[in-house]
């Protein structure tokens, strides 16, 4: 089962005396699934959940920057104009890492991530989850979530329509359960979202 999904904008290298230090990442959208209520007041629960997801985002950004720094062709730190055509994901960098118990979740989790342009998408999964299915799910979700991004300026300022992301996740990742999705089902979801987005 997927515990959480995090979509983040990756910070680029800062124009400082230490150019290798990455700028902070920014969470664009996050959603948790099936998390049992934690002890404490609701505001404290929300703050704790936000801290957990931000910790995951920082780890993903760190892995992305490490991969970028070792790559022969560095990626642009800014978010260019997203293409109208489907975004090719076969060469998109991605990976897996494990977070031990208490760092930041009470039990250990596995994080699968994928980086496209200057954003990354991460799935926080149970440690025994099917990781191949997690990768396929990431590659199905990413272009659809990126279609709901809107640029606000020339930099990495973006706006996500959360209602589109919520509908997508309700269809493709219901209650955090990863599905084996065929192309016909995906096309039907795309048509449905196209109708909803045009209204």
C-alpha atoms as a PDB file:
ATOM      1  CA  UNK A   1       0.000   0.000   0.000  1.00  0.00           C
ATOM      2  CA  UNK A   2       1.067   3.574  -0.680  1.00  0.00           C
ATOM      3  CA  UNK A   3       1.258   5.692   2.470  1.00  0.00           C
ATOM      4  CA  UNK A   4       1.700   9.043   0.737  1.00  0.00           C
ATOM      5  CA  UNK A   5       2.334  10.782  -2.561  1.00  0.00           C
ATOM      6  CA  UNK A   6       4.499  13.896  -2.790  1.00  0.00           C
ATOM      7  CA  UNK A   7       4.934  16.146  -5.839  1.00  0.00           C
ATOM      8  CA  UNK A   8       7.769  18.615  -5.371  1.00  0.00           C
ATOM      9  CA  UNK A   9       9.596  21.322  -7.257  1.00  0.00           C
ATOM     10  CA  UNK A  10      13.312  20.703  -7.088  1.00  0.00           C
ATOM     11  CA  UNK A  11      15.439  23.647  -6.014  1.00  0.00           C
ATOM     12  CA  UNK A  12      18.344  24.422  -8.325  1.00  0.00           C
ATOM     13  CA  UNK A  13      21.900  25.216  -7.363  1.00  0.00           C
ATOM     14  CA  UNK A  14      22.016  28.521  -5.553  1.00  0.00           C
ATOM     15  CA  UNK A  15      24.078  31.443  -6.845  1.00  0.00           C
ATOM     16  CA  UNK A  16      26.194  31.577  -3.705  1.00  0.00           C
ATOM     17  CA  UNK A  17      29.853  31.053  -2.868  1.00  0.00           C
ATOM     18  CA  UNK A  18      28.954  27.382  -2.385  1.00  0.00           C
ATOM     19  CA  UNK A  19      27.286  26.603  -5.733  1.00  0.00           C
ATOM     20  CA  UNK A  20      27.079  22.901  -4.983  1.00  0.00           C
ATOM     21  CA  UNK A  21      24.534  23.411  -2.199  1.00  0.00           C
ATOM     22  CA  UNK A  22      21.018  22.976  -3.588  1.00  0.00           C
ATOM     23  CA  UNK A  23      18.244  25.454  -2.953  1.00  0.00           C
ATOM     24  CA  UNK A  24      15.399  24.115  -0.830  1.00  0.00           C
ATOM     25  CA  UNK A  25      12.742  22.055  -2.563  1.00  0.00           C
ATOM     26  CA  UNK A  26       9.083  23.032  -2.427  1.00  0.00           C
ATOM     27  CA  UNK A  27       6.156  20.655  -1.981  1.00  0.00           C
ATOM     28  CA  UNK A  28       3.582  21.403  -4.693  1.00  0.00           C
ATOM     29  CA  UNK A  29       1.075  18.727  -3.711  1.00  0.00           C
ATOM     30  CA  UNK A  30       0.939  15.967  -1.125  1.00  0.00           C
ATOM     31  CA  UNK A  31      -1.617  13.386  -0.142  1.00  0.00           C
ATOM     32  CA  UNK A  32      -1.613  10.698   2.522  1.00  0.00           C
ATOM     33  CA  UNK A  33      -3.503   7.415   2.387  1.00  0.00           C
ATOM     34  CA  UNK A  34      -4.799   5.184   5.148  1.00  0.00           C
ATOM     35  CA  UNK A  35      -2.775   6.774   7.927  1.00  0.00           C
ATOM     36  CA  UNK A  36      -4.226   5.952  11.336  1.00  0.00           C
ATOM     37  CA  UNK A  37      -4.989   8.961  13.528  1.00  0.00           C
ATOM     38  CA  UNK A  38      -2.018   9.985  15.631  1.00  0.00           C
ATOM     39  CA  UNK A  39      -2.317  11.003  19.274  1.00  0.00           C
ATOM     40  CA  UNK A  40      -2.629  14.705  19.840  1.00  0.00           C
ATOM     41  CA  UNK A  41      -4.822  17.535  18.698  1.00  0.00           C
ATOM     42  CA  UNK A  42      -5.776  17.809  14.986  1.00  0.00           C
ATOM     43  CA  UNK A  43      -3.474  20.844  14.400  1.00  0.00           C
ATOM     44  CA  UNK A  44      -0.544  18.887  15.824  1.00  0.00           C
ATOM     45  CA  UNK A  45      -1.445  15.865  13.687  1.00  0.00           C
ATOM     46  CA  UNK A  46      -1.496  18.052  10.559  1.00  0.00           C
ATOM     47  CA  UNK A  47       1.820  19.648  11.477  1.00  0.00           C
ATOM     48  CA  UNK A  48       3.401  16.235  12.113  1.00  0.00           C
ATOM     49  CA  UNK A  49       2.134  14.908   8.765  1.00  0.00           C
ATOM     50  CA  UNK A  50       3.431  18.024   6.997  1.00  0.00           C
ATOM     51  CA  UNK A  51       6.850  17.564   8.614  1.00  0.00           C
ATOM     52  CA  UNK A  52       6.929  13.910   7.535  1.00  0.00           C
ATOM     53  CA  UNK A  53       6.120  14.741   3.921  1.00  0.00           C
ATOM     54  CA  UNK A  54       8.622  17.603   3.864  1.00  0.00           C
ATOM     55  CA  UNK A  55      11.309  15.229   5.172  1.00  0.00           C
ATOM     56  CA  UNK A  56      10.501  12.832   2.308  1.00  0.00           C
ATOM     57  CA  UNK A  57      10.628  15.722  -0.189  1.00  0.00           C
ATOM     58  CA  UNK A  58      14.062  16.785   1.090  1.00  0.00           C
ATOM     59  CA  UNK A  59      15.380  13.224   0.743  1.00  0.00           C
ATOM     60  CA  UNK A  60      14.015  12.964  -2.811  1.00  0.00           C
ATOM     61  CA  UNK A  61      15.531  16.341  -3.734  1.00  0.00           C
ATOM     62  CA  UNK A  62      18.856  15.220  -2.268  1.00  0.00           C
ATOM     63  CA  UNK A  63      18.813  12.021  -4.362  1.00  0.00           C
ATOM     64  CA  UNK A  64      17.869  14.010  -7.489  1.00  0.00           C
ATOM     65  CA  UNK A  65      20.685  16.528  -6.968  1.00  0.00           C
ATOM     66  CA  UNK A  66      23.173  13.740  -6.307  1.00  0.00           C
ATOM     67  CA  UNK A  67      22.120  12.006  -9.525  1.00  0.00           C
ATOM     68  CA  UNK A  68      22.285  15.296 -11.445  1.00  0.00           C
ATOM     69  CA  UNK A  69      25.764  16.098 -10.152  1.00  0.00           C
ATOM     70  CA  UNK A  70      27.034  12.697 -11.313  1.00  0.00           C
ATOM     71  CA  UNK A  71      25.308  12.945 -14.709  1.00  0.00           C
ATOM     72  CA  UNK A  72      27.425  13.990 -17.724  1.00  0.00           C
ATOM     73  CA  UNK A  73      24.670  16.349 -18.902  1.00  0.00           C
ATOM     74  CA  UNK A  74      23.244  18.429 -16.041  1.00  0.00           C
ATOM     75  CA  UNK A  75      19.562  19.242 -16.024  1.00  0.00           C
ATOM     76  CA  UNK A  76      18.299  22.798 -15.909  1.00  0.00           C
ATOM     77  CA  UNK A  77      17.365  23.954 -12.406  1.00  0.00           C
ATOM     78  CA  UNK A  78      14.471  25.967 -13.818  1.00  0.00           C
ATOM     79  CA  UNK A  79      11.183  24.592 -15.039  1.00  0.00           C
ATOM     80  CA  UNK A  80      10.960  25.201 -18.799  1.00  0.00           C
ATOM     81  CA  UNK A  81       7.724  25.406 -20.727  1.00  0.00           C
ATOM     82  CA  UNK A  82       6.017  22.053 -20.345  1.00  0.00           C
ATOM     83  CA  UNK A  83       5.377  20.501 -23.763  1.00  0.00           C
ATOM     84  CA  UNK A  84       1.896  19.868 -25.119  1.00  0.00           C
ATOM     85  CA  UNK A  85       2.966  16.419 -26.298  1.00  0.00           C
ATOM     86  CA  UNK A  86       3.125  13.551 -23.806  1.00  0.00           C
ATOM     87  CA  UNK A  87       6.313  13.805 -21.785  1.00  0.00           C
ATOM     88  CA  UNK A  88       8.714  10.926 -22.548  1.00  0.00           C
ATOM     89  CA  UNK A  89       9.524   9.158 -19.309  1.00  0.00           C
ATOM     90  CA  UNK A  90      11.649   6.231 -20.470  1.00  0.00           C
ATOM     91  CA  UNK A  91      14.847   8.226 -19.787  1.00  0.00           C
ATOM     92  CA  UNK A  92      13.559  10.070 -16.722  1.00  0.00           C
ATOM     93  CA  UNK A  93      15.847   9.518 -13.728  1.00  0.00           C
ATOM     94  CA  UNK A  94      14.371   7.801 -10.729  1.00  0.00           C
ATOM     95  CA  UNK A  95      15.205   5.515  -7.893  1.00  0.00           C
ATOM     96  CA  UNK A  96      14.358   3.911  -4.594  1.00  0.00           C
ATOM     97  CA  UNK A  97      15.494   4.458  -1.053  1.00  0.00           C
ATOM     98  CA  UNK A  98      14.502   3.178   2.370  1.00  0.00           C
ATOM     99  CA  UNK A  99      13.672   5.298   5.393  1.00  0.00           C
ATOM    100  CA  UNK A 100      14.258   3.452   8.676  1.00  0.00           C
ATOM    101  CA  UNK A 101      11.676   3.454  11.482  1.00  0.00           C
ATOM    102  CA  UNK A 102      11.329   6.848  13.124  1.00  0.00           C
ATOM    103  CA  UNK A 103      12.946   8.739  10.240  1.00  0.00           C
ATOM    104  CA  UNK A 104      10.394  10.304   9.711  1.00  0.00           C
ATOM    105  CA  UNK A 105       7.651   7.634   9.896  1.00  0.00           C
ATOM    106  CA  UNK A 106       7.139   5.454  12.994  1.00  0.00           C
ATOM    107  CA  UNK A 107       7.764   2.341  10.868  1.00  0.00           C
ATOM    108  CA  UNK A 108      10.183   1.870   7.984  1.00  0.00           C
ATOM    109  CA  UNK A 109       9.018   2.796   4.475  1.00  0.00           C
ATOM    110  CA  UNK A 110      10.348   2.551   0.938  1.00  0.00           C
ATOM    111  CA  UNK A 111      10.238   5.636  -1.290  1.00  0.00           C
ATOM    112  CA  UNK A 112      10.059   5.306  -5.077  1.00  0.00           C
ATOM    113  CA  UNK A 113      10.731   8.547  -6.960  1.00  0.00           C
ATOM    114  CA  UNK A 114      10.858   9.870 -10.506  1.00  0.00           C
ATOM    115  CA  UNK A 115      12.234  13.217 -11.672  1.00  0.00           C
ATOM    116  CA  UNK A 116      10.974  15.013 -14.789  1.00  0.00           C
ATOM    117  CA  UNK A 117      12.104  18.459 -15.892  1.00  0.00           C
ATOM    118  CA  UNK A 118      12.509  20.258 -12.519  1.00  0.00           C
ATOM    119  CA  UNK A 119       9.859  18.416 -10.538  1.00  0.00           C
ATOM    120  CA  UNK A 120       9.822  15.020  -8.850  1.00  0.00           C
ATOM    121  CA  UNK A 121       7.069  12.665  -7.819  1.00  0.00           C
ATOM    122  CA  UNK A 122       7.515  10.246  -4.925  1.00  0.00           C
ATOM    123  CA  UNK A 123       5.436   7.376  -3.580  1.00  0.00           C
ATOM    124  CA  UNK A 124       5.954   6.433   0.071  1.00  0.00           C
ATOM    125  CA  UNK A 125       5.224   2.694   0.192  1.00  0.00           C
ATOM    126  CA  UNK A 126       5.046  -0.074   2.746  1.00  0.00           C
ATOM    127  CA  UNK A 127       8.393  -1.909   2.818  1.00  0.00           C
ATOM    128  CA  UNK A 128       6.884  -5.093   1.343  1.00  0.00           C
ATOM    129  CA  UNK A 129       5.126  -3.304  -1.521  1.00  0.00           C
ATOM    130  CA  UNK A 130       5.659  -4.422  -5.136  1.00  0.00           C
ATOM    131  CA  UNK A 131       8.364  -1.962  -6.225  1.00  0.00           C
ATOM    132  CA  UNK A 132       8.036  -2.756  -9.923  1.00  0.00           C
ATOM    133  CA  UNK A 133       4.356  -1.840  -9.704  1.00  0.00           C
ATOM    134  CA  UNK A 134       5.341   1.334  -7.828  1.00  0.00           C
ATOM    135  CA  UNK A 135       7.634   2.337 -10.713  1.00  0.00           C
ATOM    136  CA  UNK A 136       4.928   1.652 -13.305  1.00  0.00           C
ATOM    137  CA  UNK A 137       2.417   3.645 -11.234  1.00  0.00           C
ATOM    138  CA  UNK A 138       4.856   6.579 -11.039  1.00  0.00           C
ATOM    139  CA  UNK A 139       5.345   6.538 -14.801  1.00  0.00           C
ATOM    140  CA  UNK A 140       1.553   6.517 -15.331  1.00  0.00           C
ATOM    141  CA  UNK A 141       0.822   9.258 -12.785  1.00  0.00           C
ATOM    142  CA  UNK A 142       3.653  11.671 -13.564  1.00  0.00           C
ATOM    143  CA  UNK A 143       2.656  12.905 -17.056  1.00  0.00           C
ATOM    144  CA  UNK A 144      -0.963  13.246 -15.977  1.00  0.00           C
ATOM    145  CA  UNK A 145      -0.060  15.296 -12.899  1.00  0.00           C
ATOM    146  CA  UNK A 146       2.324  17.432 -14.956  1.00  0.00           C
ATOM    147  CA  UNK A 147      -0.509  18.276 -17.343  1.00  0.00           C
ATOM    148  CA  UNK A 148      -2.248  19.977 -14.424  1.00  0.00           C
ATOM    149  CA  UNK A 149       0.732  22.262 -13.742  1.00  0.00           C
ATOM    150  CA  UNK A 150       0.577  25.890 -14.822  1.00  0.00           C
ATOM    151  CA  UNK A 151       3.592  28.149 -15.027  1.00  0.00           C
ATOM    152  CA  UNK A 152       3.264  31.427 -13.149  1.00  0.00           C
ATOM    153  CA  UNK A 153       6.489  32.949 -14.405  1.00  0.00           C
ATOM    154  CA  UNK A 154       9.817  32.259 -16.103  1.00  0.00           C
ATOM    155  CA  UNK A 155      11.279  30.418 -13.105  1.00  0.00           C
ATOM    156  CA  UNK A 156      10.086  27.382 -11.207  1.00  0.00           C
ATOM    157  CA  UNK A 157       6.893  29.088  -9.975  1.00  0.00           C
ATOM    158  CA  UNK A 158       4.107  26.671 -10.758  1.00  0.00           C
ATOM    159  CA  UNK A 159       0.502  26.227  -9.781  1.00  0.00           C
ATOM    160  CA  UNK A 160      -1.103  22.829  -9.467  1.00  0.00           C
ATOM    161  CA  UNK A 161      -4.841  22.350  -9.780  1.00  0.00           C
ATOM    162  CA  UNK A 162      -5.419  20.118  -6.738  1.00  0.00           C
ATOM    163  CA  UNK A 163      -8.924  19.104  -7.817  1.00  0.00           C
ATOM    164  CA  UNK A 164      -7.470  17.452 -10.940  1.00  0.00           C
ATOM    165  CA  UNK A 165      -4.791  15.713  -8.875  1.00  0.00           C
ATOM    166  CA  UNK A 166      -7.428  14.494  -6.403  1.00  0.00           C
ATOM    167  CA  UNK A 167      -9.590  12.991  -9.170  1.00  0.00           C
ATOM    168  CA  UNK A 168      -6.536  11.361 -10.743  1.00  0.00           C
ATOM    169  CA  UNK A 169      -5.512   9.754  -7.476  1.00  0.00           C
ATOM    170  CA  UNK A 170      -9.063   8.618  -6.728  1.00  0.00           C
ATOM    171  CA  UNK A 171      -9.058   6.769 -10.075  1.00  0.00           C
ATOM    172  CA  UNK A 172      -5.461   5.565 -10.411  1.00  0.00           C
ATOM    173  CA  UNK A 173      -4.465   5.124  -6.746  1.00  0.00           C
ATOM    174  CA  UNK A 174      -7.732   4.534  -4.838  1.00  0.00           C
ATOM    175  CA  UNK A 175      -7.180   4.602  -1.064  1.00  0.00           C
ATOM    176  CA  UNK A 176      -3.444   4.134  -1.689  1.00  0.00           C
ATOM    177  CA  UNK A 177      -3.858   0.808  -3.502  1.00  0.00           C
ATOM    178  CA  UNK A 178      -1.740   0.446  -6.633  1.00  0.00           C
ATOM    179  CA  UNK A 179      -3.637  -1.038  -9.566  1.00  0.00           C
ATOM    180  CA  UNK A 180      -2.522  -2.932 -12.646  1.00  0.00           C
ATOM    181  CA  UNK A 181      -3.733  -0.388 -15.202  1.00  0.00           C
ATOM    182  CA  UNK A 182      -4.311  -1.154 -18.866  1.00  0.00           C
ATOM    183  CA  UNK A 183      -4.216   1.419 -21.651  1.00  0.00           C
ATOM    184  CA  UNK A 184      -7.977   1.375 -22.241  1.00  0.00           C
ATOM    185  CA  UNK A 185      -8.675   2.260 -18.593  1.00  0.00           C
ATOM    186  CA  UNK A 186      -6.086   5.071 -18.703  1.00  0.00           C
ATOM    187  CA  UNK A 187      -7.640   6.484 -21.888  1.00  0.00           C
ATOM    188  CA  UNK A 188     -11.081   6.417 -20.248  1.00  0.00           C
ATOM    189  CA  UNK A 189      -9.704   8.303 -17.218  1.00  0.00           C
ATOM    190  CA  UNK A 190      -8.020  10.831 -19.515  1.00  0.00           C
ATOM    191  CA  UNK A 191     -11.301  11.382 -21.369  1.00  0.00           C
ATOM    192  CA  UNK A 192     -13.177  11.761 -18.099  1.00  0.00           C
ATOM    193  CA  UNK A 193     -10.679  14.297 -16.786  1.00  0.00           C
ATOM    194  CA  UNK A 194     -10.722  16.127 -20.094  1.00  0.00           C
ATOM    195  CA  UNK A 195     -14.475  16.579 -19.750  1.00  0.00           C
ATOM    196  CA  UNK A 196     -14.151  17.723 -16.142  1.00  0.00           C
ATOM    197  CA  UNK A 197     -11.297  20.096 -16.898  1.00  0.00           C
ATOM    198  CA  UNK A 198     -13.204  21.745 -19.745  1.00  0.00           C
ATOM    199  CA  UNK A 199     -16.227  22.561 -17.575  1.00  0.00           C
END
